Amino acid sequence: IVFTLHGKDIAIEVETGKIKDWSITKEKAARLNKEYAQWFFVVTNRNLAQKYRKLGKVIEMRYLKNTLSKLVTG
């Protein structure tokens, strides 16, 4: 998901943990680092958060609403 907020493009990568090939996820994170100043993973299962934190910022699904509210008002 990509959207523009306050003149900046922000990307959200939703991860369910179903992709078995971790190298695909690593490549995706590297591409997001190059293309977007701000991006983060949203994990649908909180048990996945630690694994994805190795590649970038992670928001658990239960905290997504608060995070987006802070982005909009911040």
PDB file of N, CA and C in Angstrom:
ATOM      1  N   ILE A   1       0.866  -1.169   0.000  1.00  0.00           N
ATOM      2  CA  ILE A   1       0.000   0.000   0.000  1.00  0.00           C
ATOM      3  C   ILE A   1       0.907   1.223   0.000  1.00  0.00           C
ATOM      4  N   VAL A   2       0.660   2.146  -0.920  1.00  0.00           N
ATOM      5  CA  VAL A   2       1.432   3.383  -0.987  1.00  0.00           C
ATOM      6  C   VAL A   2       0.459   4.551  -0.984  1.00  0.00           C
ATOM      7  N   PHE A   3       0.758   5.566  -0.165  1.00  0.00           N
ATOM      8  CA  PHE A   3      -0.064   6.765  -0.139  1.00  0.00           C
ATOM      9  C   PHE A   3       0.824   7.976   0.109  1.00  0.00           C
ATOM     10  N   THR A   4       0.295   9.134  -0.217  1.00  0.00           N
ATOM     11  CA  THR A   4       1.026  10.381  -0.014  1.00  0.00           C
ATOM     12  C   THR A   4       0.401  11.124   1.148  1.00  0.00           C
ATOM     13  N   LEU A   5       1.246  11.560   2.067  1.00  0.00           N
ATOM     14  CA  LEU A   5       0.783  12.281   3.243  1.00  0.00           C
ATOM     15  C   LEU A   5       1.767  13.406   3.514  1.00  0.00           C
ATOM     16  N   HIS A   6       1.260  14.611   3.601  1.00  0.00           N
ATOM     17  CA  HIS A   6       2.106  15.795   3.830  1.00  0.00           C
ATOM     18  C   HIS A   6       3.225  15.875   2.797  1.00  0.00           C
ATOM     19  N   GLY A   7       2.921  15.488   1.563  1.00  0.00           N
ATOM     20  CA  GLY A   7       3.880  15.583   0.468  1.00  0.00           C
ATOM     21  C   GLY A   7       4.909  14.468   0.397  1.00  0.00           C
ATOM     22  N   LYS A   8       4.784  13.460   1.265  1.00  0.00           N
ATOM     23  CA  LYS A   8       5.733  12.346   1.261  1.00  0.00           C
ATOM     24  C   LYS A   8       5.013  11.049   0.923  1.00  0.00           C
ATOM     25  N   ASP A   9       5.664  10.229   0.105  1.00  0.00           N
ATOM     26  CA  ASP A   9       5.126   8.902  -0.180  1.00  0.00           C
ATOM     27  C   ASP A   9       5.496   7.964   0.962  1.00  0.00           C
ATOM     28  N   ILE A  10       4.502   7.263   1.455  1.00  0.00           N
ATOM     29  CA  ILE A  10       4.684   6.310   2.547  1.00  0.00           C
ATOM     30  C   ILE A  10       4.198   4.956   2.059  1.00  0.00           C
ATOM     31  N   ALA A  11       4.974   3.917   2.341  1.00  0.00           N
ATOM     32  CA  ALA A  11       4.608   2.567   1.907  1.00  0.00           C
ATOM     33  C   ALA A  11       4.351   1.683   3.123  1.00  0.00           C
ATOM     34  N   ILE A  12       3.352   0.831   2.977  1.00  0.00           N
ATOM     35  CA  ILE A  12       3.033  -0.167   3.993  1.00  0.00           C
ATOM     36  C   ILE A  12       3.087  -1.523   3.311  1.00  0.00           C
ATOM     37  N   GLU A  13       3.855  -2.418   3.876  1.00  0.00           N
ATOM     38  CA  GLU A  13       3.962  -3.783   3.359  1.00  0.00           C
ATOM     39  C   GLU A  13       3.275  -4.712   4.356  1.00  0.00           C
ATOM     40  N   VAL A  14       2.166  -5.299   3.962  1.00  0.00           N
ATOM     41  CA  VAL A  14       1.418  -6.194   4.839  1.00  0.00           C
ATOM     42  C   VAL A  14       2.000  -7.598   4.705  1.00  0.00           C
ATOM     43  N   GLU A  15       2.354  -8.189   5.838  1.00  0.00           N
ATOM     44  CA  GLU A  15       2.959  -9.517   5.850  1.00  0.00           C
ATOM     45  C   GLU A  15       2.135 -10.477   6.699  1.00  0.00           C
ATOM     46  N   THR A  16       1.793 -11.594   6.084  1.00  0.00           N
ATOM     47  CA  THR A  16       1.050 -12.646   6.783  1.00  0.00           C
ATOM     48  C   THR A  16       1.955 -13.785   7.217  1.00  0.00           C
ATOM     49  N   GLY A  17       3.177 -13.812   6.689  1.00  0.00           N
ATOM     50  CA  GLY A  17       4.117 -14.868   7.019  1.00  0.00           C
ATOM     51  C   GLY A  17       3.967 -16.106   6.157  1.00  0.00           C
ATOM     52  N   LYS A  18       3.185 -16.028   5.109  1.00  0.00           N
ATOM     53  CA  LYS A  18       2.939 -17.195   4.266  1.00  0.00           C
ATOM     54  C   LYS A  18       4.021 -17.422   3.210  1.00  0.00           C
ATOM     55  N   ILE A  19       4.818 -16.406   2.908  1.00  0.00           N
ATOM     56  CA  ILE A  19       5.907 -16.584   1.943  1.00  0.00           C
ATOM     57  C   ILE A  19       7.028 -17.345   2.630  1.00  0.00           C
ATOM     58  N   LYS A  20       7.383 -18.468   2.071  1.00  0.00           N
ATOM     59  CA  LYS A  20       8.398 -19.334   2.689  1.00  0.00           C
ATOM     60  C   LYS A  20       9.820 -18.931   2.310  1.00  0.00           C
ATOM     61  N   ASP A  21       9.990 -18.249   1.180  1.00  0.00           N
ATOM     62  CA  ASP A  21      11.311 -17.863   0.705  1.00  0.00           C
ATOM     63  C   ASP A  21      11.679 -16.497   1.295  1.00  0.00           C
ATOM     64  N   TRP A  22      12.492 -16.507   2.355  1.00  0.00           N
ATOM     65  CA  TRP A  22      12.853 -15.288   3.082  1.00  0.00           C
ATOM     66  C   TRP A  22      13.633 -14.321   2.200  1.00  0.00           C
ATOM     67  N   SER A  23      14.331 -14.835   1.185  1.00  0.00           N
ATOM     68  CA  SER A  23      15.117 -13.959   0.309  1.00  0.00           C
ATOM     69  C   SER A  23      14.210 -13.002  -0.466  1.00  0.00           C
ATOM     70  N   ILE A  24      12.995 -13.421  -0.791  1.00  0.00           N
ATOM     71  CA  ILE A  24      12.048 -12.534  -1.470  1.00  0.00           C
ATOM     72  C   ILE A  24      11.701 -11.361  -0.569  1.00  0.00           C
ATOM     73  N   THR A  25      11.491 -11.634   0.702  1.00  0.00           N
ATOM     74  CA  THR A  25      11.162 -10.576   1.659  1.00  0.00           C
ATOM     75  C   THR A  25      12.347  -9.638   1.854  1.00  0.00           C
ATOM     76  N   LYS A  26      13.553 -10.175   1.886  1.00  0.00           N
ATOM     77  CA  LYS A  26      14.744  -9.335   2.019  1.00  0.00           C
ATOM     78  C   LYS A  26      14.882  -8.393   0.821  1.00  0.00           C
ATOM     79  N   GLU A  27      14.656  -8.925  -0.368  1.00  0.00           N
ATOM     80  CA  GLU A  27      14.734  -8.099  -1.580  1.00  0.00           C
ATOM     81  C   GLU A  27      13.671  -7.006  -1.561  1.00  0.00           C
ATOM     82  N   LYS A  28      12.488  -7.357  -1.091  1.00  0.00           N
ATOM     83  CA  LYS A  28      11.399  -6.389  -1.010  1.00  0.00           C
ATOM     84  C   LYS A  28      11.766  -5.257  -0.058  1.00  0.00           C
ATOM     85  N   ALA A  29      12.347  -5.594   1.090  1.00  0.00           N
ATOM     86  CA  ALA A  29      12.756  -4.584   2.067  1.00  0.00           C
ATOM     87  C   ALA A  29      13.847  -3.676   1.493  1.00  0.00           C
ATOM     88  N   ALA A  30      14.791  -4.250   0.776  1.00  0.00           N
ATOM     89  CA  ALA A  30      15.859  -3.449   0.163  1.00  0.00           C
ATOM     90  C   ALA A  30      15.279  -2.475  -0.861  1.00  0.00           C
ATOM     91  N   ARG A  31      14.326  -2.935  -1.651  1.00  0.00           N
ATOM     92  CA  ARG A  31      13.687  -2.071  -2.647  1.00  0.00           C
ATOM     93  C   ARG A  31      12.902  -0.950  -1.962  1.00  0.00           C
ATOM     94  N   LEU A  32      12.193  -1.277  -0.897  1.00  0.00           N
ATOM     95  CA  LEU A  32      11.436  -0.255  -0.173  1.00  0.00           C
ATOM     96  C   LEU A  32      12.364   0.787   0.437  1.00  0.00           C
ATOM     97  N   ASN A  33      13.520   0.365   0.936  1.00  0.00           N
ATOM     98  CA  ASN A  33      14.502   1.306   1.490  1.00  0.00           C
ATOM     99  C   ASN A  33      14.983   2.296   0.438  1.00  0.00           C
ATOM    100  N   LYS A  34      15.121   1.836  -0.793  1.00  0.00           N
ATOM    101  CA  LYS A  34      15.585   2.707  -1.881  1.00  0.00           C
ATOM    102  C   LYS A  34      14.494   3.649  -2.369  1.00  0.00           C
ATOM    103  N   GLU A  35      13.267   3.171  -2.422  1.00  0.00           N
ATOM    104  CA  GLU A  35      12.189   3.924  -3.060  1.00  0.00           C
ATOM    105  C   GLU A  35      11.419   4.863  -2.135  1.00  0.00           C
ATOM    106  N   TYR A  36      11.412   4.589  -0.834  1.00  0.00           N
ATOM    107  CA  TYR A  36      10.570   5.367   0.084  1.00  0.00           C
ATOM    108  C   TYR A  36      11.366   5.844   1.290  1.00  0.00           C
ATOM    109  N   ALA A  37      11.148   7.094   1.648  1.00  0.00           N
ATOM    110  CA  ALA A  37      11.798   7.638   2.831  1.00  0.00           C
ATOM    111  C   ALA A  37      11.200   7.031   4.093  1.00  0.00           C
ATOM    112  N   GLN A  38       9.920   6.682   4.022  1.00  0.00           N
ATOM    113  CA  GLN A  38       9.244   6.103   5.180  1.00  0.00           C
ATOM    114  C   GLN A  38       8.389   4.921   4.727  1.00  0.00           C
ATOM    115  N   TRP A  39       8.604   3.795   5.352  1.00  0.00           N
ATOM    116  CA  TRP A  39       7.818   2.604   5.072  1.00  0.00           C
ATOM    117  C   TRP A  39       7.876   1.698   6.293  1.00  0.00           C
ATOM    118  N   PHE A  40       6.941   0.768   6.381  1.00  0.00           N
ATOM    119  CA  PHE A  40       6.967  -0.191   7.475  1.00  0.00           C
ATOM    120  C   PHE A  40       6.177  -1.440   7.112  1.00  0.00           C
ATOM    121  N   PHE A  41       6.505  -2.512   7.828  1.00  0.00           N
ATOM    122  CA  PHE A  41       5.759  -3.748   7.713  1.00  0.00           C
ATOM    123  C   PHE A  41       4.574  -3.690   8.668  1.00  0.00           C
ATOM    124  N   VAL A  42       3.454  -4.218   8.247  1.00  0.00           N
ATOM    125  CA  VAL A  42       2.339  -4.488   9.144  1.00  0.00           C
ATOM    126  C   VAL A  42       2.211  -6.007   9.179  1.00  0.00           C
ATOM    127  N   VAL A  43       2.374  -6.581  10.371  1.00  0.00           N
ATOM    128  CA  VAL A  43       2.269  -8.030  10.492  1.00  0.00           C
ATOM    129  C   VAL A  43       0.896  -8.389  11.040  1.00  0.00           C
ATOM    130  N   THR A  44       0.291  -9.392  10.431  1.00  0.00           N
ATOM    131  CA  THR A  44      -1.040  -9.813  10.842  1.00  0.00           C
ATOM    132  C   THR A  44      -0.994 -10.749  12.043  1.00  0.00           C
ATOM    133  N   ASN A  45       0.177 -11.277  12.322  1.00  0.00           N
ATOM    134  CA  ASN A  45       0.377 -12.171  13.455  1.00  0.00           C
ATOM    135  C   ASN A  45       1.505 -11.592  14.298  1.00  0.00           C
ATOM    136  N   ARG A  46       1.218 -11.228  15.530  1.00  0.00           N
ATOM    137  CA  ARG A  46       2.230 -10.564  16.362  1.00  0.00           C
ATOM    138  C   ARG A  46       3.469 -11.416  16.596  1.00  0.00           C
ATOM    139  N   ASN A  47       3.346 -12.722  16.444  1.00  0.00           N
ATOM    140  CA  ASN A  47       4.507 -13.604  16.609  1.00  0.00           C
ATOM    141  C   ASN A  47       5.525 -13.425  15.488  1.00  0.00           C
ATOM    142  N   LEU A  48       5.135 -12.776  14.407  1.00  0.00           N
ATOM    143  CA  LEU A  48       6.042 -12.533  13.287  1.00  0.00           C
ATOM    144  C   LEU A  48       6.849 -11.239  13.454  1.00  0.00           C
ATOM    145  N   ALA A  49       6.456 -10.395  14.377  1.00  0.00           N
ATOM    146  CA  ALA A  49       7.044  -9.058  14.501  1.00  0.00           C
ATOM    147  C   ALA A  49       8.559  -9.097  14.658  1.00  0.00           C
ATOM    148  N   GLN A  50       9.061  -9.923  15.538  1.00  0.00           N
ATOM    149  CA  GLN A  50      10.503  -9.954  15.790  1.00  0.00           C
ATOM    150  C   GLN A  50      11.280 -10.367  14.540  1.00  0.00           C
ATOM    151  N   LYS A  51      10.766 -11.315  13.812  1.00  0.00           N
ATOM    152  CA  LYS A  51      11.432 -11.785  12.590  1.00  0.00           C
ATOM    153  C   LYS A  51      11.542 -10.662  11.552  1.00  0.00           C
ATOM    154  N   TYR A  52      10.461  -9.907  11.369  1.00  0.00           N
ATOM    155  CA  TYR A  52      10.446  -8.846  10.365  1.00  0.00           C
ATOM    156  C   TYR A  52      11.196  -7.602  10.820  1.00  0.00           C
ATOM    157  N   ARG A  53      11.373  -7.416  12.115  1.00  0.00           N
ATOM    158  CA  ARG A  53      12.125  -6.259  12.624  1.00  0.00           C
ATOM    159  C   ARG A  53      13.575  -6.283  12.164  1.00  0.00           C
ATOM    160  N   LYS A  54      14.062  -7.439  11.788  1.00  0.00           N
ATOM    161  CA  LYS A  54      15.434  -7.544  11.288  1.00  0.00           C
ATOM    162  C   LYS A  54      15.591  -6.791   9.971  1.00  0.00           C
ATOM    163  N   LEU A  55      14.475  -6.557   9.278  1.00  0.00           N
ATOM    164  CA  LEU A  55      14.515  -5.936   7.951  1.00  0.00           C
ATOM    165  C   LEU A  55      14.001  -4.498   7.928  1.00  0.00           C
ATOM    166  N   GLY A  56      13.241  -4.100   8.939  1.00  0.00           N
ATOM    167  CA  GLY A  56      12.685  -2.744   8.929  1.00  0.00           C
ATOM    168  C   GLY A  56      11.721  -2.531  10.082  1.00  0.00           C
ATOM    169  N   LYS A  57      11.109  -1.367  10.074  1.00  0.00           N
ATOM    170  CA  LYS A  57      10.142  -1.026  11.112  1.00  0.00           C
ATOM    171  C   LYS A  57       8.922  -1.934  10.987  1.00  0.00           C
ATOM    172  N   VAL A  58       8.384  -2.356  12.124  1.00  0.00           N
ATOM    173  CA  VAL A  58       7.246  -3.267  12.138  1.00  0.00           C
ATOM    174  C   VAL A  58       6.151  -2.708  13.030  1.00  0.00           C
ATOM    175  N   ILE A  59       4.931  -2.764  12.528  1.00  0.00           N
ATOM    176  CA  ILE A  59       3.748  -2.400  13.300  1.00  0.00           C
ATOM    177  C   ILE A  59       2.858  -3.634  13.355  1.00  0.00           C
ATOM    178  N   GLU A  60       2.446  -3.995  14.549  1.00  0.00           N
ATOM    179  CA  GLU A  60       1.490  -5.097  14.659  1.00  0.00           C
ATOM    180  C   GLU A  60       0.121  -4.574  14.258  1.00  0.00           C
ATOM    181  N   MET A  61      -0.671  -5.431  13.666  1.00  0.00           N
ATOM    182  CA  MET A  61      -1.984  -5.047  13.161  1.00  0.00           C
ATOM    183  C   MET A  61      -2.814  -4.324  14.227  1.00  0.00           C
ATOM    184  N   ARG A  62      -2.714  -4.766  15.465  1.00  0.00           N
ATOM    185  CA  ARG A  62      -3.518  -4.169  16.536  1.00  0.00           C
ATOM    186  C   ARG A  62      -3.137  -2.716  16.822  1.00  0.00           C
ATOM    187  N   TYR A  63      -1.939  -2.287  16.394  1.00  0.00           N
ATOM    188  CA  TYR A  63      -1.498  -0.912  16.612  1.00  0.00           C
ATOM    189  C   TYR A  63      -1.562  -0.049  15.350  1.00  0.00           C
ATOM    190  N   LEU A  64      -2.060  -0.593  14.274  1.00  0.00           N
ATOM    191  CA  LEU A  64      -2.064   0.126  13.000  1.00  0.00           C
ATOM    192  C   LEU A  64      -2.901   1.400  13.053  1.00  0.00           C
ATOM    193  N   LYS A  65      -4.075   1.340  13.617  1.00  0.00           N
ATOM    194  CA  LYS A  65      -4.947   2.520  13.675  1.00  0.00           C
ATOM    195  C   LYS A  65      -4.261   3.673  14.412  1.00  0.00           C
ATOM    196  N   ASN A  66      -3.646   3.385  15.536  1.00  0.00           N
ATOM    197  CA  ASN A  66      -2.954   4.437  16.304  1.00  0.00           C
ATOM    198  C   ASN A  66      -1.770   4.995  15.520  1.00  0.00           C
ATOM    199  N   THR A  67      -1.027   4.124  14.864  1.00  0.00           N
ATOM    200  CA  THR A  67       0.126   4.564  14.083  1.00  0.00           C
ATOM    201  C   THR A  67      -0.307   5.485  12.945  1.00  0.00           C
ATOM    202  N   LEU A  68      -1.348   5.097  12.233  1.00  0.00           N
ATOM    203  CA  LEU A  68      -1.841   5.938  11.131  1.00  0.00           C
ATOM    204  C   LEU A  68      -2.382   7.264  11.641  1.00  0.00           C
ATOM    205  N   SER A  69      -3.059   7.251  12.781  1.00  0.00           N
ATOM    206  CA  SER A  69      -3.552   8.501  13.368  1.00  0.00           C
ATOM    207  C   SER A  69      -2.414   9.450  13.696  1.00  0.00           C
ATOM    208  N   LYS A  70      -1.322   8.908  14.229  1.00  0.00           N
ATOM    209  CA  LYS A  70      -0.158   9.734  14.552  1.00  0.00           C
ATOM    210  C   LYS A  70       0.484  10.295  13.299  1.00  0.00           C
ATOM    211  N   LEU A  71       0.523   9.501  12.228  1.00  0.00           N
ATOM    212  CA  LEU A  71       1.083   9.983  10.967  1.00  0.00           C
ATOM    213  C   LEU A  71       0.272  11.157  10.420  1.00  0.00           C
ATOM    214  N   VAL A  72      -1.037  11.022  10.476  1.00  0.00           N
ATOM    215  CA  VAL A  72      -1.929  12.041   9.913  1.00  0.00           C
ATOM    216  C   VAL A  72      -1.843  13.342  10.714  1.00  0.00           C
ATOM    217  N   THR A  73      -1.814  13.231  12.033  1.00  0.00           N
ATOM    218  CA  THR A  73      -1.819  14.427  12.864  1.00  0.00           C
ATOM    219  C   THR A  73      -0.424  14.976  13.114  1.00  0.00           C
ATOM    220  N   GLY A  74       0.595  14.143  12.898  1.00  0.00           N
ATOM    221  CA  GLY A  74       1.974  14.544  13.218  1.00  0.00           C
ATOM    222  C   GLY A  74       2.576  15.312  12.153  1.00  0.00           C
TER     223      GLY A  74
END
